[in-house]
Amino acid sequence: MTTPFPIEAYLRSVAERVEPRLAALADARAPGGPPRLVEAMRYALLGGGKRMRPALVLAACEAHGGDASDASLAMRFAVALEAIHTYSLVHDDLPAMDDDDLRRGRPTVHKAYDEPTAVLVGDGLQSLAFAHLLASPDPAAAPLARLLAENAQLMVEGQARDMAGEHARLGEAEVMELMRTKTGALLAAAVAGGARCAGVPVEAAYPVGLKLGLAFQIADDLLDLTADAATLGKRAGKDAAAGKSTLHAVVGVEEARRRAEALLAEALAAIEPLGPRGEALRALARFVLARKK
């Protein structure tokens, strides 16, 4: 009998490695930066969460035989990507966007501080992410920064589509494009960037990450529909209340769940040839649908 991969322990181990480096991004600005801004950046970066994106970077690098140690380029890319993801959450939570008061079980940045500070936190984290990545002497850092920038831009475009789709009757193709950009792009960049750190071309790994990204967003939308705020760590049912365009609203809950499972199966089939080295990546892929928050 095969022992199940300890996914929760793996995620905790990634968080324990990544979070001190995230804190260091903010702390490095402490000597000269405005104290309230530095404190708010630290608050945003250390707000908890599964650290799924850094885990995907490191697992993808490991799966392809690369170096995912603490001093590696993969770790530097993982930290930069998580800083970009965090900036996007801070901005998405603003009253002008999704207007959320709760994130990961505690007040959002604009509630804990104020709206102008939250805007500046997001701006600062984006700059720090690229400065951190490009501080590496490795020549692969520049193409990784380009990958991150391109997909961060897709994420921004996806948020614009999300806002435009509120209380609108988007078709299936439009909803899929919304998901591909808003959520799928950054998760695809995580898998592709990790593989690139191991010498694998981005275009070879990106489609696998995109399938996981789409499955992740479908699962996230379904959780918003079925879970409660205590479980999610954020306000439940907000997508329906805001009239968000989701796949389950177009094709139904069961069909949306079937699509997510099909995307996962395709991703797993692509990872399978990697053998034992891909065990963590396969476990993370399954976790995309199995998670409860």
Foldseek 3Di string as FASTA:
>chain_A
DDDADPQQVLLVVLCVLQLVVQLVLLVVCVVPDDPVLSVLLNCLSPLDDSLLLLLLLLLLLLLLPFDSDSPALSSLLSNLLSLLVSLVVLVCCDPVHLVWQWDQQHGRSCNVPNDVSSNVSSVSSNVSSLVSLVVDPDPVSVVLSVLSVVLSVLLVVLSVLQLVQFVHDDAPVSQLSSQLRNFLSSQLSSNLNSNVSNVDHSVLRSLLSSLLSSLLVLLVVVLLVPPCCVQRRTHGPSCVVRRTDHNCVHVNNVVSNVSSVVSLVVSCVSSVVSPPSSSNVNSSSVCSNVDND
